[in-house]
Amino acid sequence: MSPTTETLTAERILEATEEVLRRHGPAKATVVDVARALGVSHGSVYRHFRTKAALREAVTKRWLDRTSQALSGIAAEEGRGPEARLRDWFQGLFDAKRRKAGHDPELFATYSVLTDENGEVVGEHIDDLTAQLTRIVEAGVAAGAFTAADPAATARALFHATGRFHDPCHAREWERPGVQDEFDAVLDLLLRGLRP
């Protein structure tokens, strides 16, 4: 099926937008470029996304949701101990961020610009991640493996304490030799602090 005869969906538009952003960067990418890539008029794109800003926000949310969805499976695992889940969750977050920054640096740079533009979407993403962490901490408290008077506050503190390993502003450090050992040392320290 050619692009012009396929049903135009929000998902197709977001896929095309990612490709256009990768090719042109956030400063030069336009809705007309996205429409051209899809073989439709720009008005067709605007029927799904009212403004260019709304389209960019949706692309940003889609990108961040991929990380949240991957980590939610780790947070929901009930057959494993909370300490192993917490370690795996943070390792998964660090690996996802490193992969995005290392495998597609142009798109990662584009998303860094887009996340700066879309603070509300980023805030929702961080809320989702800290909610996942809260569930792990709560499970640890219930199992007697962790001590935390306020699991939600503890989850936020853990998230902020590990920021160097997932905040995009630190991306250049993620490929340095020894960064995994530094990550492990920080996580070991945090886990020791959680134990009763």
N, C-alpha and C. Protein backbone atom coordinates (compact mmCIF):
# COMPACT_ATOMS: atom_id res chain seq x y z
N MET A 1 0.85 -1.18 0.00
CA MET A 1 0.00 0.00 0.00
C MET A 1 0.90 1.24 0.00
N SER A 2 0.63 2.18 -0.81
CA SER A 2 1.44 3.40 -0.86
C SER A 2 1.04 4.31 0.30
N PRO A 3 1.94 5.25 0.69
CA PRO A 3 1.64 6.13 1.82
C PRO A 3 0.33 6.90 1.66
N THR A 4 -0.04 7.26 0.43
CA THR A 4 -1.23 8.08 0.26
C THR A 4 -2.52 7.27 0.34
N THR A 5 -2.46 5.93 0.19
CA THR A 5 -3.68 5.14 0.28
C THR A 5 -3.84 4.48 1.64
N GLU A 6 -2.81 4.45 2.47
CA GLU A 6 -2.94 3.93 3.83
C GLU A 6 -3.74 4.93 4.66
N THR A 7 -4.46 4.39 5.64
CA THR A 7 -5.20 5.25 6.55
C THR A 7 -4.21 6.08 7.37
N LEU A 8 -4.48 7.36 7.42
CA LEU A 8 -3.61 8.25 8.18
C LEU A 8 -4.02 8.18 9.64
N THR A 9 -3.10 7.72 10.47
CA THR A 9 -3.36 7.61 11.90
C THR A 9 -2.37 8.48 12.66
N ALA A 10 -2.69 8.77 13.89
CA ALA A 10 -1.77 9.53 14.74
C ALA A 10 -0.43 8.80 14.85
N GLU A 11 -0.48 7.49 14.96
CA GLU A 11 0.75 6.70 15.08
C GLU A 11 1.63 6.85 13.84
N ARG A 12 1.04 6.79 12.66
CA ARG A 12 1.82 6.98 11.42
C ARG A 12 2.43 8.37 11.37
N ILE A 13 1.66 9.35 11.80
CA ILE A 13 2.17 10.73 11.81
C ILE A 13 3.34 10.84 12.78
N LEU A 14 3.24 10.23 13.95
CA LEU A 14 4.33 10.29 14.93
C LEU A 14 5.58 9.58 14.41
N GLU A 15 5.40 8.45 13.75
CA GLU A 15 6.55 7.75 13.16
C GLU A 15 7.23 8.62 12.12
N ALA A 16 6.44 9.23 11.25
CA ALA A 16 7.00 10.11 10.21
C ALA A 16 7.67 11.33 10.84
N THR A 17 7.07 11.85 11.90
CA THR A 17 7.65 13.01 12.57
C THR A 17 9.01 12.67 13.15
N GLU A 18 9.13 11.50 13.76
CA GLU A 18 10.44 11.07 14.28
C GLU A 18 11.48 11.06 13.17
N GLU A 19 11.11 10.50 12.03
CA GLU A 19 12.06 10.42 10.92
C GLU A 19 12.43 11.82 10.40
N VAL A 20 11.45 12.69 10.30
CA VAL A 20 11.71 14.06 9.85
C VAL A 20 12.61 14.78 10.86
N LEU A 21 12.34 14.59 12.13
CA LEU A 21 13.19 15.22 13.16
C LEU A 21 14.61 14.69 13.10
N ARG A 22 14.75 13.40 12.87
CA ARG A 22 16.08 12.79 12.76
C ARG A 22 16.83 13.39 11.57
N ARG A 23 16.12 13.56 10.47
CA ARG A 23 16.74 14.04 9.23
C ARG A 23 17.05 15.54 9.27
N HIS A 24 16.09 16.34 9.77
CA HIS A 24 16.22 17.79 9.68
C HIS A 24 16.58 18.48 11.00
N GLY A 25 16.38 17.79 12.12
CA GLY A 25 16.59 18.42 13.42
C GLY A 25 15.38 19.24 13.83
N PRO A 26 15.27 19.57 15.11
CA PRO A 26 14.08 20.26 15.60
C PRO A 26 13.94 21.69 15.09
N ALA A 27 15.05 22.34 14.77
CA ALA A 27 14.97 23.73 14.32
C ALA A 27 14.40 23.86 12.91
N LYS A 28 14.65 22.85 12.07
CA LYS A 28 14.25 22.96 10.67
C LYS A 28 13.05 22.09 10.29
N ALA A 29 12.70 21.11 11.12
CA ALA A 29 11.59 20.22 10.80
C ALA A 29 10.27 20.98 10.85
N THR A 30 9.43 20.76 9.84
CA THR A 30 8.14 21.44 9.78
C THR A 30 7.02 20.42 9.60
N VAL A 31 5.81 20.86 9.84
CA VAL A 31 4.64 20.02 9.60
C VAL A 31 4.54 19.70 8.11
N VAL A 32 4.90 20.63 7.26
CA VAL A 32 4.90 20.38 5.81
C VAL A 32 5.85 19.23 5.48
N ASP A 33 7.02 19.18 6.13
CA ASP A 33 7.96 18.07 5.91
C ASP A 33 7.34 16.74 6.30
N VAL A 34 6.64 16.73 7.44
CA VAL A 34 5.97 15.50 7.90
C VAL A 34 4.91 15.08 6.89
N ALA A 35 4.10 16.04 6.46
CA ALA A 35 3.04 15.74 5.48
C ALA A 35 3.65 15.20 4.19
N ARG A 36 4.72 15.82 3.74
CA ARG A 36 5.39 15.38 2.51
C ARG A 36 5.89 13.93 2.67
N ALA A 37 6.45 13.61 3.82
CA ALA A 37 6.94 12.25 4.06
C ALA A 37 5.80 11.23 4.04
N LEU A 38 4.62 11.67 4.41
CA LEU A 38 3.45 10.79 4.42
C LEU A 38 2.67 10.80 3.11
N GLY A 39 2.99 11.75 2.24
CA GLY A 39 2.27 11.87 0.98
C GLY A 39 0.87 12.44 1.16
N VAL A 40 0.71 13.32 2.14
CA VAL A 40 -0.60 13.94 2.42
C VAL A 40 -0.41 15.45 2.52
N SER A 41 -1.52 16.17 2.63
CA SER A 41 -1.42 17.62 2.82
C SER A 41 -1.13 17.91 4.29
N HIS A 42 -0.57 19.09 4.55
CA HIS A 42 -0.29 19.44 5.95
C HIS A 42 -1.59 19.60 6.73
N GLY A 43 -2.68 19.92 6.04
CA GLY A 43 -3.98 20.01 6.70
C GLY A 43 -4.40 18.66 7.28
N SER A 44 -4.02 17.57 6.61
CA SER A 44 -4.34 16.23 7.12
C SER A 44 -3.62 15.97 8.44
N VAL A 45 -2.40 16.44 8.54
CA VAL A 45 -1.64 16.28 9.78
C VAL A 45 -2.30 17.11 10.88
N TYR A 46 -2.71 18.34 10.54
CA TYR A 46 -3.33 19.22 11.53
C TYR A 46 -4.69 18.70 12.01
N ARG A 47 -5.32 17.82 11.25
CA ARG A 47 -6.58 17.23 11.73
C ARG A 47 -6.33 16.31 12.92
N HIS A 48 -5.13 15.75 13.00
CA HIS A 48 -4.77 14.87 14.12
C HIS A 48 -4.08 15.64 15.25
N PHE A 49 -3.29 16.63 14.89
CA PHE A 49 -2.54 17.43 15.86
C PHE A 49 -2.79 18.89 15.52
N ARG A 50 -3.47 19.60 16.40
CA ARG A 50 -3.96 20.95 16.11
C ARG A 50 -2.85 21.95 15.81
N THR A 51 -1.67 21.75 16.41
CA THR A 51 -0.56 22.70 16.21
C THR A 51 0.75 21.93 16.07
N LYS A 52 1.75 22.60 15.60
CA LYS A 52 3.10 22.02 15.53
C LYS A 52 3.57 21.69 16.94
N ALA A 53 3.27 22.55 17.90
CA ALA A 53 3.66 22.30 19.29
C ALA A 53 3.00 21.03 19.82
N ALA A 54 1.73 20.82 19.48
CA ALA A 54 1.03 19.61 19.93
C ALA A 54 1.66 18.36 19.32
N LEU A 55 2.07 18.44 18.08
CA LEU A 55 2.74 17.32 17.42
C LEU A 55 4.08 17.03 18.10
N ARG A 56 4.85 18.06 18.36
CA ARG A 56 6.15 17.88 19.01
C ARG A 56 5.97 17.33 20.43
N GLU A 57 4.93 17.78 21.12
CA GLU A 57 4.65 17.27 22.46
C GLU A 57 4.30 15.78 22.40
N ALA A 58 3.50 15.39 21.43
CA ALA A 58 3.10 13.98 21.29
C ALA A 58 4.30 13.10 20.97
N VAL A 59 5.21 13.59 20.14
CA VAL A 59 6.42 12.83 19.81
C VAL A 59 7.28 12.67 21.07
N THR A 60 7.39 13.73 21.84
CA THR A 60 8.17 13.68 23.07
C THR A 60 7.57 12.67 24.04
N LYS A 61 6.25 12.72 24.21
CA LYS A 61 5.57 11.80 25.11
C LYS A 61 5.77 10.35 24.65
N ARG A 62 5.65 10.12 23.36
CA ARG A 62 5.83 8.78 22.81
C ARG A 62 7.23 8.25 23.12
N TRP A 63 8.22 9.11 22.97
CA TRP A 63 9.60 8.73 23.21
C TRP A 63 9.80 8.39 24.68
N LEU A 64 9.31 9.23 25.57
CA LEU A 64 9.47 9.00 27.01
C LEU A 64 8.67 7.79 27.47
N ASP A 65 7.50 7.58 26.89
CA ASP A 65 6.66 6.44 27.27
C ASP A 65 7.33 5.11 26.97
N ARG A 66 8.16 5.06 25.95
CA ARG A 66 8.86 3.80 25.64
C ARG A 66 9.71 3.37 26.83
N THR A 67 10.40 4.32 27.45
CA THR A 67 11.22 4.00 28.61
C THR A 67 10.34 3.60 29.79
N SER A 68 9.28 4.35 30.05
CA SER A 68 8.38 4.05 31.16
C SER A 68 7.78 2.65 31.02
N GLN A 69 7.34 2.31 29.82
CA GLN A 69 6.72 1.01 29.60
C GLN A 69 7.70 -0.13 29.82
N ALA A 70 8.93 0.04 29.36
CA ALA A 70 9.94 -1.01 29.55
C ALA A 70 10.23 -1.23 31.03
N LEU A 71 10.27 -0.15 31.79
CA LEU A 71 10.59 -0.26 33.22
C LEU A 71 9.40 -0.74 34.04
N SER A 72 8.19 -0.50 33.57
CA SER A 72 7.01 -0.89 34.35
C SER A 72 6.95 -2.40 34.57
N GLY A 73 7.45 -3.17 33.62
CA GLY A 73 7.49 -4.62 33.79
C GLY A 73 8.38 -5.04 34.93
N ILE A 74 9.51 -4.36 35.08
CA ILE A 74 10.42 -4.66 36.19
C ILE A 74 9.77 -4.28 37.51
N ALA A 75 9.14 -3.12 37.55
CA ALA A 75 8.50 -2.65 38.78
C ALA A 75 7.38 -3.59 39.21
N ALA A 76 6.71 -4.23 38.26
CA ALA A 76 5.55 -5.08 38.56
C ALA A 76 5.93 -6.52 38.92
N GLU A 77 7.17 -6.92 38.70
CA GLU A 77 7.60 -8.29 38.99
C GLU A 77 7.43 -8.58 40.48
N GLU A 78 6.62 -9.58 40.78
CA GLU A 78 6.41 -9.89 42.19
C GLU A 78 7.17 -11.12 42.63
N GLY A 79 7.70 -11.90 41.72
CA GLY A 79 8.40 -13.13 42.07
C GLY A 79 9.84 -12.92 42.51
N ARG A 80 10.34 -11.70 42.39
CA ARG A 80 11.74 -11.42 42.73
C ARG A 80 11.78 -10.47 43.92
N GLY A 81 12.88 -10.49 44.61
CA GLY A 81 13.04 -9.63 45.78
C GLY A 81 13.09 -8.16 45.37
N PRO A 82 12.64 -7.28 46.28
CA PRO A 82 12.61 -5.86 45.97
C PRO A 82 13.99 -5.25 45.71
N GLU A 83 15.02 -5.76 46.36
CA GLU A 83 16.36 -5.22 46.12
C GLU A 83 16.82 -5.52 44.69
N ALA A 84 16.58 -6.74 44.24
CA ALA A 84 16.94 -7.11 42.86
C ALA A 84 16.11 -6.31 41.87
N ARG A 85 14.82 -6.12 42.16
CA ARG A 85 13.96 -5.33 41.27
C ARG A 85 14.43 -3.88 41.19
N LEU A 86 14.80 -3.32 42.35
CA LEU A 86 15.26 -1.93 42.37
C LEU A 86 16.55 -1.79 41.56
N ARG A 87 17.47 -2.72 41.77
CA ARG A 87 18.74 -2.69 41.02
C ARG A 87 18.47 -2.84 39.53
N ASP A 88 17.64 -3.80 39.16
CA ASP A 88 17.34 -4.02 37.73
C ASP A 88 16.61 -2.83 37.12
N TRP A 89 15.73 -2.19 37.89
CA TRP A 89 14.98 -1.05 37.39
C TRP A 89 15.94 0.10 37.06
N PHE A 90 16.83 0.41 38.00
CA PHE A 90 17.78 1.49 37.73
C PHE A 90 18.75 1.12 36.61
N GLN A 91 19.18 -0.14 36.56
CA GLN A 91 20.06 -0.57 35.46
C GLN A 91 19.33 -0.44 34.14
N GLY A 92 18.05 -0.82 34.12
CA GLY A 92 17.25 -0.69 32.91
C GLY A 92 17.11 0.75 32.46
N LEU A 93 16.91 1.66 33.42
CA LEU A 93 16.81 3.08 33.09
C LEU A 93 18.14 3.59 32.53
N PHE A 94 19.23 3.27 33.19
CA PHE A 94 20.56 3.71 32.74
C PHE A 94 20.86 3.14 31.35
N ASP A 95 20.59 1.86 31.15
CA ASP A 95 20.86 1.23 29.85
C ASP A 95 20.02 1.87 28.74
N ALA A 96 18.74 2.14 29.04
CA ALA A 96 17.86 2.75 28.02
C ALA A 96 18.37 4.13 27.62
N LYS A 97 18.77 4.92 28.59
CA LYS A 97 19.26 6.27 28.30
C LYS A 97 20.58 6.20 27.54
N ARG A 98 21.48 5.32 27.96
CA ARG A 98 22.76 5.18 27.26
C ARG A 98 22.55 4.72 25.82
N ARG A 99 21.64 3.77 25.64
CA ARG A 99 21.35 3.25 24.30
C ARG A 99 20.82 4.37 23.41
N LYS A 100 19.88 5.14 23.92
CA LYS A 100 19.31 6.24 23.13
C LYS A 100 20.38 7.26 22.77
N ALA A 101 21.23 7.59 23.71
CA ALA A 101 22.26 8.60 23.47
C ALA A 101 23.36 8.08 22.54
N GLY A 102 23.70 6.80 22.68
CA GLY A 102 24.81 6.24 21.92
C GLY A 102 24.47 5.73 20.54
N HIS A 103 23.28 5.15 20.39
CA HIS A 103 22.92 4.52 19.11
C HIS A 103 22.34 5.49 18.10
N ASP A 104 21.76 6.57 18.56
CA ASP A 104 21.15 7.53 17.64
C ASP A 104 21.36 8.93 18.22
N PRO A 105 22.62 9.40 18.22
CA PRO A 105 22.91 10.68 18.87
C PRO A 105 22.17 11.88 18.28
N GLU A 106 21.89 11.83 16.99
CA GLU A 106 21.15 12.94 16.38
C GLU A 106 19.72 13.01 16.93
N LEU A 107 19.07 11.85 17.00
CA LEU A 107 17.71 11.83 17.53
C LEU A 107 17.72 12.15 19.03
N PHE A 108 18.74 11.68 19.75
CA PHE A 108 18.83 11.98 21.18
C PHE A 108 18.98 13.49 21.38
N ALA A 109 19.80 14.13 20.57
CA ALA A 109 19.96 15.59 20.67
C ALA A 109 18.65 16.29 20.35
N THR A 110 17.93 15.77 19.36
CA THR A 110 16.62 16.33 19.02
C THR A 110 15.67 16.22 20.19
N TYR A 111 15.63 15.05 20.81
CA TYR A 111 14.73 14.86 21.94
C TYR A 111 15.14 15.69 23.15
N SER A 112 16.41 15.95 23.28
CA SER A 112 16.84 16.84 24.38
C SER A 112 16.23 18.23 24.19
N VAL A 113 16.20 18.70 22.95
CA VAL A 113 15.56 19.99 22.65
C VAL A 113 14.07 19.90 22.93
N LEU A 114 13.43 18.83 22.45
CA LEU A 114 11.98 18.68 22.63
C LEU A 114 11.59 18.55 24.09
N THR A 115 12.38 17.84 24.89
CA THR A 115 12.04 17.72 26.31
C THR A 115 12.18 19.06 27.02
N ASP A 116 13.12 19.88 26.57
CA ASP A 116 13.22 21.23 27.14
C ASP A 116 11.97 22.05 26.83
N GLU A 117 11.38 21.83 25.65
CA GLU A 117 10.18 22.56 25.23
C GLU A 117 8.92 22.07 25.93
N ASN A 118 8.93 20.82 26.38
CA ASN A 118 7.72 20.17 26.87
C ASN A 118 7.86 19.75 28.33
N GLY A 119 8.06 20.72 29.18
CA GLY A 119 8.27 20.46 30.60
C GLY A 119 7.15 19.69 31.27
N GLU A 120 5.91 19.93 30.85
CA GLU A 120 4.78 19.22 31.47
C GLU A 120 4.84 17.73 31.16
N VAL A 121 5.17 17.38 29.92
CA VAL A 121 5.29 15.98 29.52
C VAL A 121 6.43 15.32 30.29
N VAL A 122 7.53 16.03 30.44
CA VAL A 122 8.67 15.50 31.19
C VAL A 122 8.28 15.31 32.66
N GLY A 123 7.56 16.25 33.22
CA GLY A 123 7.10 16.12 34.61
C GLY A 123 6.22 14.91 34.80
N GLU A 124 5.32 14.66 33.85
CA GLU A 124 4.45 13.48 33.91
C GLU A 124 5.29 12.20 33.82
N HIS A 125 6.31 12.22 32.97
CA HIS A 125 7.20 11.07 32.83
C HIS A 125 7.92 10.78 34.14
N ILE A 126 8.45 11.82 34.75
CA ILE A 126 9.15 11.64 36.03
C ILE A 126 8.18 11.17 37.11
N ASP A 127 6.97 11.69 37.11
CA ASP A 127 5.95 11.21 38.07
C ASP A 127 5.68 9.72 37.87
N ASP A 128 5.59 9.29 36.61
CA ASP A 128 5.35 7.88 36.34
C ASP A 128 6.52 7.03 36.83
N LEU A 129 7.73 7.47 36.54
CA LEU A 129 8.91 6.71 36.97
C LEU A 129 8.99 6.63 38.48
N THR A 130 8.75 7.74 39.17
CA THR A 130 8.84 7.71 40.63
C THR A 130 7.69 6.90 41.24
N ALA A 131 6.55 6.84 40.56
CA ALA A 131 5.45 5.98 41.03
C ALA A 131 5.86 4.51 40.92
N GLN A 132 6.56 4.15 39.85
CA GLN A 132 7.07 2.78 39.72
C GLN A 132 8.05 2.47 40.85
N LEU A 133 8.95 3.41 41.10
CA LEU A 133 9.91 3.22 42.19
C LEU A 133 9.21 3.10 43.54
N THR A 134 8.17 3.90 43.73
CA THR A 134 7.41 3.85 44.99
C THR A 134 6.85 2.45 45.21
N ARG A 135 6.33 1.82 44.16
CA ARG A 135 5.79 0.46 44.29
C ARG A 135 6.88 -0.53 44.71
N ILE A 136 8.08 -0.37 44.18
CA ILE A 136 9.18 -1.26 44.55
C ILE A 136 9.56 -1.02 46.02
N VAL A 137 9.66 0.24 46.42
CA VAL A 137 10.02 0.56 47.81
C VAL A 137 8.94 0.04 48.76
N GLU A 138 7.68 0.24 48.41
CA GLU A 138 6.58 -0.26 49.24
C GLU A 138 6.66 -1.79 49.40
N ALA A 139 6.97 -2.48 48.30
CA ALA A 139 7.11 -3.94 48.37
C ALA A 139 8.28 -4.31 49.28
N GLY A 140 9.36 -3.54 49.21
CA GLY A 140 10.50 -3.80 50.08
C GLY A 140 10.19 -3.58 51.55
N VAL A 141 9.43 -2.55 51.85
CA VAL A 141 9.02 -2.28 53.23
C VAL A 141 8.11 -3.40 53.72
N ALA A 142 7.14 -3.79 52.88
CA ALA A 142 6.21 -4.86 53.26
C ALA A 142 6.93 -6.18 53.50
N ALA A 143 8.01 -6.45 52.75
CA ALA A 143 8.76 -7.69 52.89
C ALA A 143 9.81 -7.61 54.01
N GLY A 144 9.96 -6.42 54.59
CA GLY A 144 10.97 -6.25 55.63
C GLY A 144 12.39 -6.09 55.09
N ALA A 145 12.51 -5.91 53.78
CA ALA A 145 13.83 -5.76 53.15
C ALA A 145 14.31 -4.31 53.17
N PHE A 146 13.37 -3.36 53.20
CA PHE A 146 13.69 -1.93 53.20
C PHE A 146 13.05 -1.27 54.41
N THR A 147 13.65 -0.18 54.81
CA THR A 147 13.02 0.68 55.80
C THR A 147 12.84 2.05 55.15
N ALA A 148 11.60 2.54 55.19
CA ALA A 148 11.29 3.84 54.60
C ALA A 148 9.99 4.33 55.23
N ALA A 149 10.06 5.43 55.96
CA ALA A 149 8.86 5.99 56.60
C ALA A 149 7.87 6.48 55.56
N ASP A 150 8.37 7.02 54.46
CA ASP A 150 7.53 7.55 53.39
C ASP A 150 8.06 7.00 52.06
N PRO A 151 7.51 5.88 51.58
CA PRO A 151 8.02 5.26 50.35
C PRO A 151 8.04 6.20 49.14
N ALA A 152 7.06 7.09 49.02
CA ALA A 152 7.05 8.00 47.87
C ALA A 152 8.20 8.99 47.95
N ALA A 153 8.45 9.54 49.13
CA ALA A 153 9.58 10.47 49.31
C ALA A 153 10.90 9.74 49.10
N THR A 154 10.98 8.51 49.56
CA THR A 154 12.19 7.70 49.37
C THR A 154 12.42 7.44 47.89
N ALA A 155 11.35 7.12 47.17
CA ALA A 155 11.47 6.88 45.72
C ALA A 155 11.99 8.12 45.00
N ARG A 156 11.44 9.28 45.35
CA ARG A 156 11.92 10.53 44.72
C ARG A 156 13.40 10.77 45.05
N ALA A 157 13.79 10.51 46.28
CA ALA A 157 15.18 10.70 46.67
C ALA A 157 16.10 9.74 45.90
N LEU A 158 15.68 8.50 45.74
CA LEU A 158 16.47 7.54 44.97
C LEU A 158 16.62 8.01 43.52
N PHE A 159 15.53 8.49 42.96
CA PHE A 159 15.55 8.97 41.58
C PHE A 159 16.52 10.13 41.42
N HIS A 160 16.44 11.08 42.34
CA HIS A 160 17.33 12.25 42.24
C HIS A 160 18.78 11.89 42.54
N ALA A 161 19.00 10.96 43.45
CA ALA A 161 20.37 10.56 43.79
C ALA A 161 21.08 9.86 42.64
N THR A 162 20.31 9.28 41.73
CA THR A 162 20.90 8.57 40.59
C THR A 162 20.83 9.40 39.30
N GLY A 163 20.47 10.65 39.41
CA GLY A 163 20.27 11.50 38.24
C GLY A 163 21.42 11.52 37.26
N ARG A 164 22.64 11.42 37.76
CA ARG A 164 23.81 11.44 36.88
C ARG A 164 23.77 10.31 35.85
N PHE A 165 23.01 9.27 36.15
CA PHE A 165 22.97 8.10 35.28
C PHE A 165 21.71 8.01 34.42
N HIS A 166 20.86 9.04 34.50
CA HIS A 166 19.68 9.02 33.61
C HIS A 166 19.25 10.40 33.14
N ASP A 167 19.74 11.46 33.74
CA ASP A 167 19.38 12.80 33.27
C ASP A 167 20.19 13.09 32.00
N PRO A 168 19.52 13.43 30.90
CA PRO A 168 20.21 13.65 29.63
C PRO A 168 21.33 14.69 29.68
N CYS A 169 21.30 15.59 30.63
CA CYS A 169 22.39 16.58 30.70
C CYS A 169 23.73 15.93 31.02
N HIS A 170 23.72 14.68 31.48
CA HIS A 170 24.96 13.96 31.80
C HIS A 170 25.34 12.95 30.71
N ALA A 171 24.68 12.98 29.58
CA ALA A 171 24.86 11.95 28.54
C ALA A 171 26.31 11.77 28.11
N ARG A 172 27.07 12.83 28.07
CA ARG A 172 28.48 12.70 27.63
C ARG A 172 29.30 11.84 28.57
N GLU A 173 28.89 11.75 29.82
CA GLU A 173 29.64 10.95 30.80
C GLU A 173 29.33 9.46 30.71
N TRP A 174 28.24 9.09 30.05
CA TRP A 174 27.76 7.71 30.09
C TRP A 174 28.63 6.71 29.35
N GLU A 175 29.49 7.17 28.47
CA GLU A 175 30.36 6.26 27.73
C GLU A 175 31.80 6.26 28.27
N ARG A 176 32.02 7.04 29.31
CA ARG A 176 33.36 7.08 29.90
C ARG A 176 33.73 5.73 30.52
N PRO A 177 35.00 5.36 30.45
CA PRO A 177 35.42 4.12 31.12
C PRO A 177 35.13 4.25 32.63
N GLY A 178 34.65 3.18 33.21
CA GLY A 178 34.40 3.16 34.64
C GLY A 178 33.05 3.66 35.07
N VAL A 179 32.23 4.16 34.15
CA VAL A 179 30.93 4.72 34.55
C VAL A 179 30.01 3.65 35.12
N GLN A 180 30.09 2.41 34.61
CA GLN A 180 29.25 1.34 35.16
C GLN A 180 29.66 1.05 36.60
N ASP A 181 30.96 1.05 36.89
CA ASP A 181 31.42 0.83 38.27
C ASP A 181 30.94 1.95 39.18
N GLU A 182 30.95 3.18 38.68
CA GLU A 182 30.46 4.31 39.47
C GLU A 182 28.96 4.17 39.73
N PHE A 183 28.22 3.75 38.72
CA PHE A 183 26.78 3.50 38.88
C PHE A 183 26.55 2.43 39.95
N ASP A 184 27.28 1.32 39.83
CA ASP A 184 27.13 0.22 40.80
C ASP A 184 27.44 0.69 42.21
N ALA A 185 28.47 1.51 42.38
CA ALA A 185 28.84 2.01 43.71
C ALA A 185 27.73 2.89 44.30
N VAL A 186 27.15 3.76 43.49
CA VAL A 186 26.06 4.62 43.96
C VAL A 186 24.86 3.75 44.35
N LEU A 187 24.52 2.80 43.51
CA LEU A 187 23.37 1.94 43.81
C LEU A 187 23.61 1.09 45.06
N ASP A 188 24.84 0.57 45.21
CA ASP A 188 25.16 -0.20 46.43
C ASP A 188 24.98 0.66 47.68
N LEU A 189 25.44 1.89 47.60
CA LEU A 189 25.31 2.81 48.74
C LEU A 189 23.84 3.07 49.06
N LEU A 190 23.04 3.32 48.04
CA LEU A 190 21.61 3.58 48.26
C LEU A 190 20.90 2.36 48.83
N LEU A 191 21.22 1.20 48.33
CA LEU A 191 20.59 -0.02 48.82
C LEU A 191 20.98 -0.30 50.27
N ARG A 192 22.23 -0.05 50.62
CA ARG A 192 22.65 -0.20 52.02
C ARG A 192 21.83 0.73 52.92
N GLY A 193 21.56 1.93 52.43
CA GLY A 193 20.79 2.89 53.21
C GLY A 193 19.32 2.49 53.39
N LEU A 194 18.82 1.66 52.51
CA LEU A 194 17.42 1.22 52.59
C LEU A 194 17.23 0.02 53.52
N ARG A 195 18.30 -0.73 53.72
CA ARG A 195 18.17 -1.96 54.52
C ARG A 195 17.90 -1.60 55.98
N PRO A 196 17.09 -2.47 56.65
CA PRO A 196 16.79 -2.23 58.08
C PRO A 196 18.02 -2.41 58.97
